Structures are given as structure tokens and as C-alpha cells.
Amino acid sequence: MATLARRVFKVALFFGLFVLSVRYVRPYPYPMPESQLAVWWDASDWLGIRDPEDLIFVVWVTIELIVAVLAYVVIIRLWRRYQRKN
């Protein structure tokens, strides 16, 4: 039962970190400046994506996921170090 509780806690921790990264990692200013929008259009044309919003969504969800994973790894390592000292 304790193992299940630890696993549920870890999943909840990761989900909470992902929600925080979605909330506080800002993808771009709204409304987007013309120069920045031109870069997204060029990138989406180069990749063969019709709508640059699709590209923006995928890129920023990936960045937010990376931020959540890094925060999760740091928290888990710090917790293990704390547990070893005690």
C-alpha cells in the first residue's frame, strides 16, 4: 500500500509541476509582434505545416514538458539526498 501511495504521489507531483509550468512559462507575448510571427510562418512553411499555431502549440507544450521533467528530477534528487542524511 505504501508503494502505491508513493507512486500516486509522484504522478501527482509531476502533474502539478506540469500545470505550474503551463501557467508560468510564457510561450510568447500576446499579440505576437510581426517580426516574431514572420519567423513562425517561415518555420511552419519549411516544415510543411499549414498553420503556424499548430507548430507553436507543439513547441511550447514540449518546452513546458521539459521544464516539468527537470523540476521533477531536481525535487526527487533533493528529497533522496535529504533522506540519506537523516
PDB file of N, CA and C in Angstrom:
ATOM      1  N   MET A   1       0.812  -1.189   0.000  1.00  0.00           N
ATOM      2  CA  MET A   1       0.000   0.000   0.000  1.00  0.00           C
ATOM      3  C   MET A   1       0.866   1.268   0.000  1.00  0.00           C
ATOM      4  N   ALA A   2       1.989   1.195   0.706  1.00  0.00           N
ATOM      5  CA  ALA A   2       2.878   2.356   0.748  1.00  0.00           C
ATOM      6  C   ALA A   2       3.484   2.619  -0.624  1.00  0.00           C
ATOM      7  N   THR A   3       3.774   1.537  -1.346  1.00  0.00           N
ATOM      8  CA  THR A   3       4.336   1.702  -2.695  1.00  0.00           C
ATOM      9  C   THR A   3       3.330   2.396  -3.607  1.00  0.00           C
ATOM     10  N   LEU A   4       2.076   2.006  -3.504  1.00  0.00           N
ATOM     11  CA  LEU A   4       1.034   2.646  -4.308  1.00  0.00           C
ATOM     12  C   LEU A   4       0.910   4.121  -3.958  1.00  0.00           C
ATOM     13  N   ALA A   5       0.973   4.431  -2.680  1.00  0.00           N
ATOM     14  CA  ALA A   5       0.878   5.827  -2.248  1.00  0.00           C
ATOM     15  C   ALA A   5       2.054   6.645  -2.784  1.00  0.00           C
ATOM     16  N   ARG A   6       3.266   6.066  -2.769  1.00  0.00           N
ATOM     17  CA  ARG A   6       4.432   6.771  -3.312  1.00  0.00           C
ATOM     18  C   ARG A   6       4.275   7.021  -4.802  1.00  0.00           C
ATOM     19  N   ARG A   7       3.809   6.022  -5.515  1.00  0.00           N
ATOM     20  CA  ARG A   7       3.629   6.180  -6.963  1.00  0.00           C
ATOM     21  C   ARG A   7       2.567   7.219  -7.286  1.00  0.00           C
ATOM     22  N   VAL A   8       1.469   7.197  -6.551  1.00  0.00           N
ATOM     23  CA  VAL A   8       0.409   8.189  -6.766  1.00  0.00           C
ATOM     24  C   VAL A   8       0.930   9.583  -6.451  1.00  0.00           C
ATOM     25  N   PHE A   9       1.727   9.698  -5.375  1.00  0.00           N
ATOM     26  CA  PHE A   9       2.301  10.996  -5.026  1.00  0.00           C
ATOM     27  C   PHE A   9       3.233  11.491  -6.124  1.00  0.00           C
ATOM     28  N   LYS A  10       4.058  10.609  -6.678  1.00  0.00           N
ATOM     29  CA  LYS A  10       4.988  11.019  -7.737  1.00  0.00           C
ATOM     30  C   LYS A  10       4.245  11.463  -8.991  1.00  0.00           C
ATOM     31  N   VAL A  11       3.180  10.750  -9.334  1.00  0.00           N
ATOM     32  CA  VAL A  11       2.379  11.146 -10.500  1.00  0.00           C
ATOM     33  C   VAL A  11       1.714  12.492 -10.240  1.00  0.00           C
ATOM     34  N   ALA A  12       1.168  12.669  -9.051  1.00  0.00           N
ATOM     35  CA  ALA A  12       0.538  13.947  -8.701  1.00  0.00           C
ATOM     36  C   ALA A  12       1.559  15.076  -8.690  1.00  0.00           C
ATOM     37  N   LEU A  13       2.761  14.801  -8.182  1.00  0.00           N
ATOM     38  CA  LEU A  13       3.825  15.809  -8.188  1.00  0.00           C
ATOM     39  C   LEU A  13       4.159  16.218  -9.619  1.00  0.00           C
ATOM     40  N   PHE A  14       4.344  15.247 -10.496  1.00  0.00           N
ATOM     41  CA  PHE A  14       4.675  15.580 -11.879  1.00  0.00           C
ATOM     42  C   PHE A  14       3.543  16.358 -12.538  1.00  0.00           C
ATOM     43  N   PHE A  15       2.314  15.915 -12.328  1.00  0.00           N
ATOM     44  CA  PHE A  15       1.174  16.614 -12.923  1.00  0.00           C
ATOM     45  C   PHE A  15       1.093  18.043 -12.403  1.00  0.00           C
ATOM     46  N   GLY A  16       1.313  18.232 -11.101  1.00  0.00           N
ATOM     47  CA  GLY A  16       1.297  19.576 -10.536  1.00  0.00           C
ATOM     48  C   GLY A  16       2.403  20.450 -11.106  1.00  0.00           C
ATOM     49  N   LEU A  17       3.597  19.882 -11.273  1.00  0.00           N
ATOM     50  CA  LEU A  17       4.692  20.645 -11.873  1.00  0.00           C
ATOM     51  C   LEU A  17       4.398  21.008 -13.325  1.00  0.00           C
ATOM     52  N   PHE A  18       3.754  20.092 -14.051  1.00  0.00           N
ATOM     53  CA  PHE A  18       3.398  20.387 -15.432  1.00  0.00           C
ATOM     54  C   PHE A  18       2.367  21.518 -15.488  1.00  0.00           C
ATOM     55  N   VAL A  19       1.391  21.484 -14.612  1.00  0.00           N
ATOM     56  CA  VAL A  19       0.382  22.553 -14.572  1.00  0.00           C
ATOM     57  C   VAL A  19       1.043  23.891 -14.230  1.00  0.00           C
ATOM     58  N   LEU A  20       1.970  23.876 -13.279  1.00  0.00           N
ATOM     59  CA  LEU A  20       2.685  25.111 -12.943  1.00  0.00           C
ATOM     60  C   LEU A  20       3.523  25.621 -14.115  1.00  0.00           C
ATOM     61  N   SER A  21       4.150  24.701 -14.854  1.00  0.00           N
ATOM     62  CA  SER A  21       4.946  25.152 -16.000  1.00  0.00           C
ATOM     63  C   SER A  21       4.050  25.711 -17.099  1.00  0.00           C
ATOM     64  N   VAL A  22       2.870  25.136 -17.273  1.00  0.00           N
ATOM     65  CA  VAL A  22       1.925  25.682 -18.260  1.00  0.00           C
ATOM     66  C   VAL A  22       1.482  27.075 -17.832  1.00  0.00           C
ATOM     67  N   ARG A  23       1.291  27.239 -16.536  1.00  0.00           N
ATOM     68  CA  ARG A  23       0.805  28.520 -16.026  1.00  0.00           C
ATOM     69  C   ARG A  23       1.867  29.625 -16.075  1.00  0.00           C
ATOM     70  N   TYR A  24       3.120  29.283 -15.751  1.00  0.00           N
ATOM     71  CA  TYR A  24       4.129  30.323 -15.567  1.00  0.00           C
ATOM     72  C   TYR A  24       5.203  30.407 -16.640  1.00  0.00           C
ATOM     73  N   VAL A  25       5.343  29.417 -17.496  1.00  0.00           N
ATOM     74  CA  VAL A  25       6.293  29.505 -18.607  1.00  0.00           C
ATOM     75  C   VAL A  25       5.530  30.135 -19.768  1.00  0.00           C
ATOM     76  N   ARG A  26       5.871  31.354 -20.067  1.00  0.00           N
ATOM     77  CA  ARG A  26       5.129  32.109 -21.083  1.00  0.00           C
ATOM     78  C   ARG A  26       5.655  31.805 -22.477  1.00  0.00           C
ATOM     79  N   PRO A  27       4.785  31.344 -23.368  1.00  0.00           N
ATOM     80  CA  PRO A  27       5.256  30.995 -24.714  1.00  0.00           C
ATOM     81  C   PRO A  27       5.617  32.201 -25.573  1.00  0.00           C
ATOM     82  N   TYR A  28       4.801  33.226 -25.572  1.00  0.00           N
ATOM     83  CA  TYR A  28       5.077  34.389 -26.409  1.00  0.00           C
ATOM     84  C   TYR A  28       4.182  35.533 -25.953  1.00  0.00           C
ATOM     85  N   PRO A  29       4.572  36.753 -26.284  1.00  0.00           N
ATOM     86  CA  PRO A  29       3.695  37.877 -25.916  1.00  0.00           C
ATOM     87  C   PRO A  29       2.423  37.855 -26.763  1.00  0.00           C
ATOM     88  N   TYR A  30       1.367  38.323 -26.184  1.00  0.00           N
ATOM     89  CA  TYR A  30       0.101  38.384 -26.921  1.00  0.00           C
ATOM     90  C   TYR A  30      -0.309  39.833 -27.031  1.00  0.00           C
ATOM     91  N   PRO A  31      -0.559  40.359 -28.178  1.00  0.00           N
ATOM     92  CA  PRO A  31      -0.409  39.780 -29.516  1.00  0.00           C
ATOM     93  C   PRO A  31       1.067  39.704 -29.920  1.00  0.00           C
ATOM     94  N   MET A  32       1.356  38.747 -30.777  1.00  0.00           N
ATOM     95  CA  MET A  32       2.726  38.497 -31.200  1.00  0.00           C
ATOM     96  C   MET A  32       3.188  39.595 -32.167  1.00  0.00           C
ATOM     97  N   PRO A  33       4.413  40.100 -31.991  1.00  0.00           N
ATOM     98  CA  PRO A  33       4.934  41.110 -32.921  1.00  0.00           C
ATOM     99  C   PRO A  33       5.081  40.529 -34.332  1.00  0.00           C
ATOM    100  N   GLU A  34       5.029  41.387 -35.309  1.00  0.00           N
ATOM    101  CA  GLU A  34       5.104  40.959 -36.711  1.00  0.00           C
ATOM    102  C   GLU A  34       6.406  40.230 -37.028  1.00  0.00           C
ATOM    103  N   SER A  35       7.513  40.697 -36.462  1.00  0.00           N
ATOM    104  CA  SER A  35       8.802  40.059 -36.744  1.00  0.00           C
ATOM    105  C   SER A  35       8.832  38.631 -36.211  1.00  0.00           C
ATOM    106  N   GLN A  36       8.274  38.418 -35.029  1.00  0.00           N
ATOM    107  CA  GLN A  36       8.241  37.077 -34.451  1.00  0.00           C
ATOM    108  C   GLN A  36       7.262  36.184 -35.214  1.00  0.00           C
ATOM    109  N   LEU A  37       6.160  36.754 -35.635  1.00  0.00           N
ATOM    110  CA  LEU A  37       5.179  35.992 -36.402  1.00  0.00           C
ATOM    111  C   LEU A  37       5.748  35.565 -37.749  1.00  0.00           C
ATOM    112  N   ALA A  38       6.569  36.406 -38.349  1.00  0.00           N
ATOM    113  CA  ALA A  38       7.199  36.051 -39.626  1.00  0.00           C
ATOM    114  C   ALA A  38       8.136  34.859 -39.466  1.00  0.00           C
ATOM    115  N   VAL A  39       8.841  34.795 -38.347  1.00  0.00           N
ATOM    116  CA  VAL A  39       9.732  33.655 -38.090  1.00  0.00           C
ATOM    117  C   VAL A  39       8.920  32.371 -37.954  1.00  0.00           C
ATOM    118  N   TRP A  40       7.797  32.429 -37.234  1.00  0.00           N
ATOM    119  CA  TRP A  40       6.946  31.240 -37.085  1.00  0.00           C
ATOM    120  C   TRP A  40       6.361  30.813 -38.433  1.00  0.00           C
ATOM    121  N   TRP A  41       5.964  31.784 -39.263  1.00  0.00           N
ATOM    122  CA  TRP A  41       5.438  31.444 -40.590  1.00  0.00           C
ATOM    123  C   TRP A  41       6.511  30.763 -41.433  1.00  0.00           C
ATOM    124  N   ASP A  42       7.734  31.309 -41.412  1.00  0.00           N
ATOM    125  CA  ASP A  42       8.824  30.707 -42.187  1.00  0.00           C
ATOM    126  C   ASP A  42       9.124  29.284 -41.710  1.00  0.00           C
ATOM    127  N   ALA A  43       9.153  29.090 -40.408  1.00  0.00           N
ATOM    128  CA  ALA A  43       9.424  27.758 -39.859  1.00  0.00           C
ATOM    129  C   ALA A  43       8.313  26.780 -40.219  1.00  0.00           C
ATOM    130  N   SER A  44       7.067  27.223 -40.149  1.00  0.00           N
ATOM    131  CA  SER A  44       5.965  26.315 -40.485  1.00  0.00           C
ATOM    132  C   SER A  44       5.944  26.002 -41.975  1.00  0.00           C
ATOM    133  N   ASP A  45       6.292  26.971 -42.812  1.00  0.00           N
ATOM    134  CA  ASP A  45       6.393  26.695 -44.251  1.00  0.00           C
ATOM    135  C   ASP A  45       7.519  25.709 -44.536  1.00  0.00           C
ATOM    136  N   TRP A  46       8.652  25.870 -43.866  1.00  0.00           N
ATOM    137  CA  TRP A  46       9.792  24.980 -44.068  1.00  0.00           C
ATOM    138  C   TRP A  46       9.474  23.556 -43.636  1.00  0.00           C
ATOM    139  N   LEU A  47       8.692  23.416 -42.557  1.00  0.00           N
ATOM    140  CA  LEU A  47       8.319  22.091 -42.067  1.00  0.00           C
ATOM    141  C   LEU A  47       7.089  21.518 -42.760  1.00  0.00           C
ATOM    142  N   GLY A  48       6.426  22.316 -43.589  1.00  0.00           N
ATOM    143  CA  GLY A  48       5.253  21.841 -44.303  1.00  0.00           C
ATOM    144  C   GLY A  48       3.982  21.853 -43.480  1.00  0.00           C
ATOM    145  N   ILE A  49       3.947  22.709 -42.466  1.00  0.00           N
ATOM    146  CA  ILE A  49       2.765  22.837 -41.613  1.00  0.00           C
ATOM    147  C   ILE A  49       1.984  24.050 -42.088  1.00  0.00           C
ATOM    148  N   ARG A  50       0.706  23.838 -42.336  1.00  0.00           N
ATOM    149  CA  ARG A  50      -0.117  24.884 -42.917  1.00  0.00           C
ATOM    150  C   ARG A  50      -0.380  26.044 -41.961  1.00  0.00           C
ATOM    151  N   ASP A  51      -0.642  25.728 -40.704  1.00  0.00           N
ATOM    152  CA  ASP A  51      -0.980  26.756 -39.721  1.00  0.00           C
ATOM    153  C   ASP A  51       0.142  26.884 -38.689  1.00  0.00           C
ATOM    154  N   PRO A  52       0.749  28.055 -38.535  1.00  0.00           N
ATOM    155  CA  PRO A  52       1.839  28.194 -37.566  1.00  0.00           C
ATOM    156  C   PRO A  52       1.380  28.017 -36.119  1.00  0.00           C
ATOM    157  N   GLU A  53       0.099  28.185 -35.820  1.00  0.00           N
ATOM    158  CA  GLU A  53      -0.396  27.962 -34.464  1.00  0.00           C
ATOM    159  C   GLU A  53      -0.205  26.510 -34.046  1.00  0.00           C
ATOM    160  N   ASP A  54      -0.313  25.581 -34.985  1.00  0.00           N
ATOM    161  CA  ASP A  54      -0.070  24.170 -34.673  1.00  0.00           C
ATOM    162  C   ASP A  54       1.384  23.958 -34.261  1.00  0.00           C
ATOM    163  N   LEU A  55       2.286  24.591 -34.960  1.00  0.00           N
ATOM    164  CA  LEU A  55       3.706  24.495 -34.630  1.00  0.00           C
ATOM    165  C   LEU A  55       3.999  25.136 -33.275  1.00  0.00           C
ATOM    166  N   ILE A  56       3.423  26.303 -33.028  1.00  0.00           N
ATOM    167  CA  ILE A  56       3.626  26.998 -31.765  1.00  0.00           C
ATOM    168  C   ILE A  56       3.143  26.131 -30.602  1.00  0.00           C
ATOM    169  N   PHE A  57       1.980  25.509 -30.751  1.00  0.00           N
ATOM    170  CA  PHE A  57       1.421  24.671 -29.697  1.00  0.00           C
ATOM    171  C   PHE A  57       2.342  23.496 -29.374  1.00  0.00           C
ATOM    172  N   VAL A  58       2.807  22.802 -30.400  1.00  0.00           N
ATOM    173  CA  VAL A  58       3.669  21.636 -30.187  1.00  0.00           C
ATOM    174  C   VAL A  58       4.992  22.047 -29.550  1.00  0.00           C
ATOM    175  N   VAL A  59       5.575  23.127 -30.025  1.00  0.00           N
ATOM    176  CA  VAL A  59       6.860  23.589 -29.486  1.00  0.00           C
ATOM    177  C   VAL A  59       6.717  23.964 -28.019  1.00  0.00           C
ATOM    178  N   TRP A  60       5.683  24.710 -27.656  1.00  0.00           N
ATOM    179  CA  TRP A  60       5.568  25.166 -26.275  1.00  0.00           C
ATOM    180  C   TRP A  60       5.114  24.074 -25.326  1.00  0.00           C
ATOM    181  N   VAL A  61       4.308  23.139 -25.776  1.00  0.00           N
ATOM    182  CA  VAL A  61       3.981  22.005 -24.908  1.00  0.00           C
ATOM    183  C   VAL A  61       5.240  21.176 -24.649  1.00  0.00           C
ATOM    184  N   THR A  62       6.080  21.025 -25.657  1.00  0.00           N
ATOM    185  CA  THR A  62       7.342  20.308 -25.479  1.00  0.00           C
ATOM    186  C   THR A  62       8.247  21.035 -24.482  1.00  0.00           C
ATOM    187  N   ILE A  63       8.356  22.344 -24.601  1.00  0.00           N
ATOM    188  CA  ILE A  63       9.179  23.118 -23.678  1.00  0.00           C
ATOM    189  C   ILE A  63       8.627  23.032 -22.255  1.00  0.00           C
ATOM    190  N   GLU A  64       7.315  23.119 -22.094  1.00  0.00           N
ATOM    191  CA  GLU A  64       6.709  23.020 -20.772  1.00  0.00           C
ATOM    192  C   GLU A  64       6.900  21.631 -20.182  1.00  0.00           C
ATOM    193  N   LEU A  65       6.856  20.610 -21.012  1.00  0.00           N
ATOM    194  CA  LEU A  65       7.102  19.247 -20.544  1.00  0.00           C
ATOM    195  C   LEU A  65       8.548  19.084 -20.082  1.00  0.00           C
ATOM    196  N   ILE A  66       9.485  19.646 -20.825  1.00  0.00           N
ATOM    197  CA  ILE A  66      10.900  19.579 -20.439  1.00  0.00           C
ATOM    198  C   ILE A  66      11.124  20.297 -19.107  1.00  0.00           C
ATOM    199  N   VAL A  67      10.507  21.454 -18.934  1.00  0.00           N
ATOM    200  CA  VAL A  67      10.637  22.195 -17.667  1.00  0.00           C
ATOM    201  C   VAL A  67      10.073  21.378 -16.514  1.00  0.00           C
ATOM    202  N   ALA A  68       8.919  20.739 -16.713  1.00  0.00           N
ATOM    203  CA  ALA A  68       8.313  19.928 -15.654  1.00  0.00           C
ATOM    204  C   ALA A  68       9.188  18.727 -15.315  1.00  0.00           C
ATOM    205  N   VAL A  69       9.767  18.085 -16.323  1.00  0.00           N
ATOM    206  CA  VAL A  69      10.637  16.931 -16.079  1.00  0.00           C
ATOM    207  C   VAL A  69      11.887  17.357 -15.306  1.00  0.00           C
ATOM    208  N   LEU A  70      12.505  18.457 -15.702  1.00  0.00           N
ATOM    209  CA  LEU A  70      13.695  18.931 -14.996  1.00  0.00           C
ATOM    210  C   LEU A  70      13.387  19.284 -13.539  1.00  0.00           C
ATOM    211  N   ALA A  71      12.270  19.952 -13.307  1.00  0.00           N
ATOM    212  CA  ALA A  71      11.886  20.288 -11.935  1.00  0.00           C
ATOM    213  C   ALA A  71      11.610  19.023 -11.135  1.00  0.00           C
ATOM    214  N   TYR A  72      10.962  18.041 -11.742  1.00  0.00           N
ATOM    215  CA  TYR A  72      10.665  16.771 -11.071  1.00  0.00           C
ATOM    216  C   TYR A  72      11.958  16.050 -10.681  1.00  0.00           C
ATOM    217  N   VAL A  73      12.904  15.981 -11.603  1.00  0.00           N
ATOM    218  CA  VAL A  73      14.170  15.298 -11.328  1.00  0.00           C
ATOM    219  C   VAL A  73      14.922  15.999 -10.205  1.00  0.00           C
ATOM    220  N   VAL A  74      14.948  17.316 -10.209  1.00  0.00           N
ATOM    221  CA  VAL A  74      15.637  18.066  -9.162  1.00  0.00           C
ATOM    222  C   VAL A  74      14.975  17.823  -7.806  1.00  0.00           C
ATOM    223  N   ILE A  75      13.665  17.863  -7.744  1.00  0.00           N
ATOM    224  CA  ILE A  75      12.955  17.647  -6.484  1.00  0.00           C
ATOM    225  C   ILE A  75      13.196  16.239  -5.957  1.00  0.00           C
ATOM    226  N   ILE A  76      13.125  15.237  -6.818  1.00  0.00           N
ATOM    227  CA  ILE A  76      13.330  13.855  -6.387  1.00  0.00           C
ATOM    228  C   ILE A  76      14.766  13.656  -5.889  1.00  0.00           C
ATOM    229  N   ARG A  77      15.748  14.212  -6.585  1.00  0.00           N
ATOM    230  CA  ARG A  77      17.142  14.075  -6.141  1.00  0.00           C
ATOM    231  C   ARG A  77      17.384  14.785  -4.815  1.00  0.00           C
ATOM    232  N   LEU A  78      16.818  15.960  -4.656  1.00  0.00           N
ATOM    233  CA  LEU A  78      16.962  16.659  -3.379  1.00  0.00           C
ATOM    234  C   LEU A  78      16.292  15.885  -2.248  1.00  0.00           C
ATOM    235  N   TRP A  79      15.149  15.298  -2.502  1.00  0.00           N
ATOM    236  CA  TRP A  79      14.455  14.515  -1.483  1.00  0.00           C
ATOM    237  C   TRP A  79      15.271  13.278  -1.095  1.00  0.00           C
ATOM    238  N   ARG A  80      15.851  12.608  -2.080  1.00  0.00           N
ATOM    239  CA  ARG A  80      16.674  11.432  -1.779  1.00  0.00           C
ATOM    240  C   ARG A  80      17.916  11.826  -0.978  1.00  0.00           C
ATOM    241  N   ARG A  81      18.534  12.947  -1.303  1.00  0.00           N
ATOM    242  CA  ARG A  81      19.693  13.418  -0.552  1.00  0.00           C
ATOM    243  C   ARG A  81      19.294  13.743   0.892  1.00  0.00           C
ATOM    244  N   TYR A  82      18.148  14.376   1.048  1.00  0.00           N
ATOM    245  CA  TYR A  82      17.648  14.692   2.390  1.00  0.00           C
ATOM    246  C   TYR A  82      17.386  13.406   3.180  1.00  0.00           C
ATOM    247  N   GLN A  83      16.798  12.391   2.535  1.00  0.00           N
ATOM    248  CA  GLN A  83      16.503  11.127   3.213  1.00  0.00           C
ATOM    249  C   GLN A  83      17.788  10.396   3.615  1.00  0.00           C
ATOM    250  N   ARG A  84      18.827  10.457   2.783  1.00  0.00           N
ATOM    251  CA  ARG A  84      20.088   9.806   3.120  1.00  0.00           C
ATOM    252  C   ARG A  84      20.765  10.454   4.325  1.00  0.00           C
ATOM    253  N   LYS A  85      20.629  11.769   4.473  1.00  0.00           N
ATOM    254  CA  LYS A  85      21.254  12.467   5.587  1.00  0.00           C
ATOM    255  C   LYS A  85      20.551  12.152   6.907  1.00  0.00           C
ATOM    256  N   ASN A  86      19.277  11.833   6.851  1.00  0.00           N
ATOM    257  CA  ASN A  86      18.521  11.578   8.093  1.00  0.00           C
ATOM    258  C   ASN A  86      18.405  10.138   8.390  1.00  0.00           C
TER     259      ASN A  86
END
